[in-house]
Structures are given as C-alpha cells and as structure tokens.
Protein backbone atom coordinates (compact mmCIF):
# COMPACT_ATOMS: atom_id res chain seq x y z
CA MET A 1 23.93 -6.82 -8.67
CA THR A 2 21.13 -4.84 -7.18
CA SER A 3 20.59 -0.70 -8.54
CA GLU A 4 21.36 0.45 -5.06
CA GLU A 5 24.67 -1.25 -5.08
CA ALA A 6 24.91 -0.25 -8.55
CA VAL A 7 24.57 3.49 -8.11
CA LYS A 8 27.00 3.28 -5.05
CA ASN A 9 29.79 1.71 -6.51
CA TYR A 10 29.58 3.43 -9.80
CA GLY A 11 27.97 6.75 -9.50
CA ASP A 12 26.87 8.63 -12.74
CA LYS A 13 27.77 5.75 -14.96
CA VAL A 14 24.20 4.27 -14.05
CA SER A 15 21.62 6.09 -16.09
CA PRO A 16 18.96 8.29 -15.17
CA PRO A 17 16.06 6.77 -14.20
CA PHE A 18 13.53 5.60 -17.06
CA VAL A 19 9.69 3.96 -16.83
CA GLU A 20 9.42 0.70 -18.26
CA ARG A 21 5.65 -1.28 -18.53
CA ARG A 22 5.11 -4.86 -17.27
CA ASP A 23 2.21 -6.39 -18.30
CA GLY A 24 0.73 -2.90 -18.38
CA LEU A 25 2.34 -1.77 -15.16
CA PRO A 26 4.84 0.97 -14.64
CA TYR A 27 8.48 0.32 -13.24
CA ASP A 28 11.19 2.21 -12.66
CA MET A 29 14.49 1.43 -14.18
CA VAL A 30 17.94 1.83 -14.59
CA TRP A 31 20.42 1.23 -17.22
CA TYR A 32 24.16 0.12 -16.11
CA ARG A 33 26.33 -1.58 -18.56
CA GLY A 34 23.36 -2.52 -20.99
CA LYS A 35 21.24 -4.62 -18.22
CA ARG A 36 18.33 -2.94 -16.76
CA TYR A 37 17.72 -2.28 -12.80
CA LEU A 38 15.38 -1.38 -10.69
CA ALA A 39 15.66 2.19 -9.45
CA PRO A 40 17.08 2.80 -6.13
CA LEU A 41 15.13 4.45 -3.77
CA SER A 42 14.26 8.42 -4.51
CA ILE A 43 11.92 10.17 -1.92
CA ALA A 44 10.47 13.70 -3.03
CA SER A 45 10.79 16.26 -0.15
CA ALA A 46 8.12 17.29 1.98
CA SER A 47 7.60 20.46 3.58
CA GLU A 48 6.74 20.03 7.80
CA GLY A 49 4.39 22.96 7.77
CA ASP A 50 0.64 22.32 8.46
CA GLY A 51 -0.90 18.95 7.89
CA PRO A 52 -4.01 17.57 7.90
CA GLY A 53 -5.77 18.16 11.42
CA GLY A 54 -7.97 16.59 14.01
CA ARG A 55 -9.58 13.66 11.88
CA GLN A 56 -8.28 14.48 8.42
CA ILE A 57 -6.10 12.29 6.53
CA ARG A 58 -4.00 13.26 3.40
CA CYS A 59 -4.10 10.39 0.60
CA ARG A 60 -2.10 9.86 -2.27
CA LEU A 61 -3.04 7.25 -4.74
CA SER A 62 -0.14 5.25 -7.02
CA ASP A 63 -0.18 2.33 -8.90
CA GLN A 64 -1.67 -1.21 -8.67
CA SER A 65 -2.17 -0.84 -4.88
CA GLY A 66 0.10 1.94 -3.01
CA VAL A 67 -1.74 4.42 -0.92
CA LEU A 68 0.11 6.94 1.19
CA ILE A 69 -1.86 8.03 4.11
CA GLU A 70 -0.98 10.94 6.70
CA THR A 71 -2.49 11.85 9.81
CA GLN A 72 -2.14 14.70 12.12
CA GLU A 73 0.41 11.76 14.18
CA ALA A 74 1.91 9.78 11.64
CA THR A 75 2.39 8.65 7.90
CA LEU A 76 1.20 5.32 6.29
CA LEU A 77 2.70 3.73 3.28
CA PHE A 78 0.89 0.72 1.92
CA ASP A 79 1.97 -1.79 -0.80
CA TRP A 80 3.91 1.37 -2.62
CA TYR A 81 5.94 -0.50 -5.13
CA ARG A 82 7.19 2.12 -7.17
CA SER A 83 10.77 3.41 -6.65
CA ILE A 84 9.72 7.01 -6.57
CA LEU A 85 8.05 7.55 -3.44
CA PRO A 86 5.79 10.57 -2.52
CA PRO A 87 6.90 13.42 -0.27
CA ILE A 88 7.25 12.20 3.50
CA ARG A 89 7.49 13.88 6.18
CA ARG A 90 10.47 13.34 8.85
CA ASP A 91 8.77 14.63 11.89
CA LYS A 92 6.39 11.87 12.25
CA PRO A 93 6.52 8.16 12.74
CA LEU A 94 6.50 6.68 9.16
CA HIS A 95 4.85 3.15 8.95
CA VAL A 96 5.29 1.01 5.94
CA PHE A 97 2.94 -1.95 5.21
CA ILE A 98 4.23 -4.45 2.63
CA SER A 99 1.27 -7.06 2.29
CA HIS A 100 3.48 -9.37 0.12
CA ILE A 101 6.67 -9.80 -2.25
CA HIS A 102 5.06 -9.69 -5.35
CA GLN A 103 6.71 -7.45 -7.40
CA ASP A 104 3.48 -5.03 -7.84
CA HIS A 105 3.47 -4.63 -4.24
CA PHE A 106 7.01 -4.74 -2.53
CA ASN A 107 9.86 -2.66 -3.22
CA LEU A 108 13.18 -4.09 -1.52
CA GLY A 109 14.96 -0.51 -1.15
CA GLN A 110 11.52 -0.33 1.50
CA LEU A 111 13.46 -2.31 4.35
CA SER A 112 16.55 0.07 4.39
CA LEU A 113 14.17 3.32 4.96
CA ALA A 114 15.87 3.23 8.74
CA LYS A 115 18.65 5.10 7.05
CA ARG A 116 16.92 7.90 5.72
CA PHE A 117 13.66 8.11 8.53
CA PRO A 118 14.48 8.63 12.02
CA ASP A 119 11.42 6.94 13.08
CA VAL A 120 10.00 4.21 11.20
CA SER A 121 8.38 0.56 11.25
CA VAL A 122 7.88 -1.45 8.62
CA TYR A 123 5.49 -4.38 8.55
CA LEU A 124 6.05 -7.12 6.03
CA GLY A 125 3.87 -10.24 5.10
CA TYR A 126 5.99 -13.27 4.95
CA ASP A 127 6.62 -16.23 5.79
CA TYR A 128 10.49 -16.88 5.61
CA SER A 129 9.71 -19.09 2.75
CA GLU A 130 12.43 -17.68 0.22
CA ASP A 131 16.01 -17.90 0.10
CA TRP A 132 16.66 -14.87 -1.48
CA LEU A 133 14.56 -12.63 0.75
CA ASN A 134 15.80 -14.26 3.85
CA ASP A 135 19.75 -13.69 2.80
CA ASP A 136 18.83 -9.75 2.29
CA LEU A 137 16.72 -9.32 5.74
CA GLU A 138 20.06 -11.35 7.37
CA LYS A 139 21.98 -8.55 5.67
CA LEU A 140 20.30 -5.66 6.31
CA PRO A 141 22.05 -3.48 9.04
CA GLU A 142 21.18 -3.36 12.91
CA VAL A 143 19.36 -0.26 12.35
CA CYS A 144 17.05 -1.43 9.55
CA ALA A 145 16.74 -4.68 10.81
CA ASP A 146 15.29 -3.77 14.12
CA THR A 147 12.63 -1.79 12.21
CA VAL A 148 11.26 -4.93 10.18
CA SER A 149 8.27 -6.96 11.67
CA CYS A 150 7.58 -9.90 9.46
CA PHE A 151 3.71 -11.39 9.39
CA ARG A 152 2.13 -14.40 9.12
CA GLU A 153 -1.69 -14.60 9.32
CA ASN A 154 -3.63 -13.66 12.30
CA GLN A 155 -0.77 -12.40 14.19
CA LEU A 156 -1.15 -8.97 16.32
CA LEU A 157 1.59 -6.26 17.05
CA ASN A 158 0.67 -3.81 19.66
CA ILE A 159 2.54 -0.32 18.47
CA ASP A 160 2.44 3.30 19.65
CA GLY A 161 -1.34 4.64 19.27
CA GLY A 162 -2.52 1.46 18.13
CA SER A 163 -2.28 -2.04 16.69
CA VAL A 164 -1.32 -3.99 13.88
CA GLN A 165 -3.59 -7.36 12.78
CA SER A 166 -2.56 -9.38 9.79
CA LEU A 167 -5.38 -11.33 8.37
CA PRO A 168 -4.69 -14.10 6.29
CA SER A 169 -4.77 -13.96 2.06
CA THR A 170 -6.47 -16.28 -0.38
CA ASP A 171 -3.26 -15.34 -2.14
CA LEU A 172 0.48 -14.68 -0.66
CA GLY A 173 1.14 -12.93 2.26
CA VAL A 174 -1.17 -10.98 4.69
CA ALA A 175 -3.86 -8.05 4.92
CA PHE A 176 -3.20 -6.10 7.42
CA LEU A 177 -6.06 -4.01 9.91
CA VAL A 178 -4.24 -0.92 11.60
CA HIS A 179 -5.71 0.86 14.36
CA ILE A 180 -3.59 4.12 14.96
CA ASN A 181 -4.52 7.69 17.34
CA GLY A 182 -8.34 6.91 16.92
CA MET A 183 -8.40 6.06 13.57
CA THR A 184 -8.85 2.46 11.85
CA PHE A 185 -7.24 1.47 8.21
CA PHE A 186 -7.64 -1.83 6.38
CA HIS A 187 -5.47 -2.94 2.99
CA ALA A 188 -6.41 -6.13 1.77
CA GLY A 189 -3.22 -6.75 -0.12
CA ASP A 190 -4.27 -9.75 -2.66
CA LEU A 191 -7.31 -10.78 -0.41
CA PHE A 192 -9.46 -11.23 -3.48
CA PRO A 193 -11.78 -14.24 -4.55
CA TRP A 194 -9.99 -15.42 -7.11
CA PRO A 195 -11.60 -18.06 -9.29
CA GLY A 196 -12.52 -21.08 -6.96
CA THR A 197 -11.32 -19.27 -3.64
CA GLU A 198 -14.80 -17.73 -2.84
CA PRO A 199 -15.05 -20.03 0.14
CA VAL A 200 -11.94 -19.41 1.42
CA PHE A 201 -11.96 -15.64 0.85
CA LEU A 202 -14.83 -15.72 3.51
CA ASP A 203 -13.26 -17.27 5.63
CA CYS A 204 -10.15 -14.89 5.50
CA ILE A 205 -12.42 -11.78 6.14
CA ALA A 206 -14.38 -13.36 9.11
CA PRO A 207 -12.35 -11.29 11.45
CA LEU A 208 -13.49 -8.18 10.22
CA GLN A 209 -17.31 -9.00 11.18
CA ASP A 210 -18.77 -5.71 12.55
CA VAL A 211 -15.45 -3.92 12.76
CA GLN A 212 -15.67 -0.36 12.25
CA ILE A 213 -12.91 0.69 9.53
CA ASP A 214 -12.73 4.27 8.45
CA TYR A 215 -10.69 3.94 5.49
CA ALA A 216 -10.46 1.06 3.30
CA MET A 217 -8.33 -0.35 0.12
CA LEU A 218 -9.85 -3.09 -1.29
CA PRO A 219 -9.39 -5.04 -4.60
CA ALA A 220 -11.40 -4.47 -7.58
CA ASP A 221 -9.35 -6.53 -9.78
CA PRO A 222 -10.74 -5.51 -13.39
CA ARG A 223 -9.61 -8.76 -15.14
CA PHE A 224 -12.35 -10.70 -13.33
CA PRO A 225 -14.89 -8.01 -13.12
CA ALA A 226 -17.93 -10.42 -11.26
CA ALA A 227 -15.15 -11.35 -8.19
CA ALA A 228 -14.45 -7.49 -7.98
CA GLN A 229 -18.05 -6.86 -7.49
CA PHE A 230 -18.45 -10.10 -5.06
CA CYS A 231 -15.47 -8.67 -3.25
CA VAL A 232 -16.12 -5.16 -2.58
CA SER A 233 -19.85 -5.90 -1.90
CA ALA A 234 -18.83 -8.85 0.87
CA PHE A 235 -16.42 -6.50 2.57
CA LEU A 236 -19.18 -3.84 2.69
CA SER A 237 -21.50 -6.08 4.20
CA GLN A 238 -18.88 -7.85 6.66
CA SER A 239 -17.56 -4.44 8.12
CA ASP A 240 -18.67 -1.03 8.90
CA ILE A 241 -16.76 0.81 6.24
CA LYS A 242 -16.91 4.53 6.12
CA TYR A 243 -14.84 4.89 2.97
CA PHE A 244 -13.17 2.77 0.71
CA THR A 245 -10.84 3.16 -2.76
CA PRO A 246 -10.48 0.35 -5.28
CA ILE A 247 -6.92 -0.84 -5.89
CA HIS A 248 -5.51 -3.71 -7.55
CA LEU A 249 -6.54 -2.15 -11.03
CA TRP A 250 -3.84 -2.94 -13.46
CA ASP A 251 -3.82 0.75 -14.59
CA GLN A 252 -7.60 0.40 -15.65
CA PRO A 253 -9.38 3.52 -14.68
CA ASP A 254 -12.26 3.02 -17.01
CA PHE A 255 -12.78 -0.01 -15.27
CA VAL A 256 -13.72 1.90 -11.85
CA LYS A 257 -16.18 4.55 -13.93
CA ALA A 258 -17.88 1.55 -15.05
CA PHE A 259 -18.05 -0.16 -11.89
CA ALA A 260 -19.64 2.56 -9.84
CA ALA A 261 -21.84 3.59 -12.66
CA ASN A 262 -22.91 -0.59 -12.19
CA ASN A 263 -22.87 -0.57 -8.57
CA THR A 264 -24.77 2.71 -7.14
CA GLN A 265 -24.85 1.39 -3.81
CA PHE A 266 -20.97 1.50 -3.73
CA ARG A 267 -20.91 5.02 -4.91
CA GLN A 268 -20.91 7.19 -2.01
CA LYS A 269 -18.46 5.25 -0.14
CA MET A 270 -16.15 5.39 -3.10
CA ILE A 271 -12.84 7.30 -3.46
CA PHE A 272 -11.11 6.88 -6.61
CA ARG A 273 -8.87 10.01 -7.33
CA ASP A 274 -11.08 12.81 -8.30
CA PHE A 275 -14.29 10.34 -9.12
CA GLY A 276 -17.19 9.46 -7.07
CA GLY A 277 -20.13 10.22 -4.97
CA VAL A 278 -17.56 11.27 -1.91
CA LYS A 279 -16.97 14.80 -1.05
CA ILE A 280 -13.23 14.85 -0.25
CA THR A 281 -12.33 18.15 1.97
CA ARG A 282 -9.69 19.18 -0.71
CA SER A 283 -8.30 18.14 -3.95
CA GLU A 284 -4.51 18.99 -4.17
CA GLY A 285 -3.84 19.47 -7.84
CA LYS A 286 -3.10 16.23 -8.70
CA GLN A 287 -5.94 13.71 -8.95
CA SER A 288 -4.00 11.37 -6.86
CA ALA A 289 -3.64 13.19 -3.78
CA PHE A 290 -6.56 14.79 -1.72
CA VAL A 291 -7.45 15.43 1.87
CA LEU A 292 -10.59 13.54 3.31
CA GLU A 293 -12.42 14.23 6.84
CA LEU A 294 -13.35 11.01 8.50
C-alpha cells in the first residue's frame, strides 16, 4: 500500500508527517499500523499576485538536487523528491522534470499532479526497465497519463514556447536541457564524472558545446571533491553558462563554501542560497529562495 492509498482509505488513522533521515538526507514520512510510508504530496498555497517579470526568475532550492524555477510565463520543477512541494501557482503552466528514478530525485506522486493543476507536463528520464514503475504508469488515470513523457537519452520534444532535450547520463536516466520563453535551463541530474567514467562524461556533455545557458544546476558531489571540481570546470568550459547552482550535495553546505574558496574562478557564476559572488535581485527571507535577473 502506498501512502497515498493509506491516506485515502484510512484518513486520520495515518500519522502526521514526520522527517526521517536516510544516508544524511531528509524524507517526509507517515506511520500507518506500525509501518512507515512516504508521505503523500502536499503543496503550499501560492498567491497569484505579482511574479517575476521580464528576464527575472524566482528560484527555490531544496534537498539534494531539487530546484523550483518560476519565470514570468511558467513554473519549472526539477528533481524535487520531497513530499512537501513549495508554493506553485495554478495560473501558469507547470513543467515537472524528473531526471531519473533514484529516491533522492524522484517522487511517484508527481506523476499525478494533473489532478491538482490545470496545465501540467511531466518529463521523466526513464527507459521502461522497472516492472514496478511500468505497472504504476499503466495504472495512472488518463488525465495524468496524458501529461507524462518518458525520455531516453538524446531525445527532443517541442513544447509551447520552446523545447525539452535529453542528454545521456553517466548514471541512471538523463540530463535535461530546456529552452522556454527565450530562456535556457540545464539540470544535470546524475550526469557526473563518477570514478572511472571521465571519458564517458565528456562524451555525454559534448552536445552542450557552445550552448548559451542562463541557469544551470550542476552536480558537485562532496564525496568526490576532485571529480566535483572537474565536473563544474568541464561544464563551464563546454557551455556559455551565465549562472549555476551546485546540486547533489548530500546536505553538506560547508562543502560549497570550501569549494568556492578553492575555486575562485567559479564564484561570480555560482549561486548557493545566500553564499557566493552573484548579486541576486532579491532574497525572499529563507536562504533557499531568491529572485535573479537573467
């Protein structure tokens, strides 16, 4: 039984959500009859007042690799595995990107967001290799199934206002290059030079040669500090990246401070909460939320 089913069938018999840490990362859980389940998705309400304008983006960073980006025309949600979603407006198209199905990047409930939002598209890095997920995809109601597009590597999908392109990964799934409403975003997922994969990694990022990217989300895994430096350097050398945020940090923000201190050539492009050389347009109270002018 999934937590969604438990809440639906048993209501208040399910405990309030609580946070459990696994491998140093937080997961939102509930108790039911002595067993733990992932908490069902909950979404904070969002005002439909003034949003970012022009080439501004409003960003919110979450654990591991989760990033929400709101532009003037749309909202983009990348690899947000937590069960508690940030405020998301209903008056804009919502584009949900899931690079792969590792638990620190994927929340099954996001495949059903069409039940809650009028204009949703879900882009899932997935090759139909897991029976359990194939079954869940087949069971999706039509209103949700019609919003889900599965991506293998090197695929291109034209969307309203732009396109979604998948790049191969050195791990599971894909990386996403997104052109939308005159802006370009890149989320690497687990595309990282894991030990022994450096030549493959360079082949994977070759399609980014000379691509202009407004905002990129790049892995800087603190378990492999030399590889993290190689990774970010390679991406910045390959593409014209205006700003980037390091992701896949295993809840080790101090690593980012040391990373920036040891790599001053990255500092003017790097955004991580309120740390770094980038002058953000406006901080929104919490360190993980900010508005940036592109």
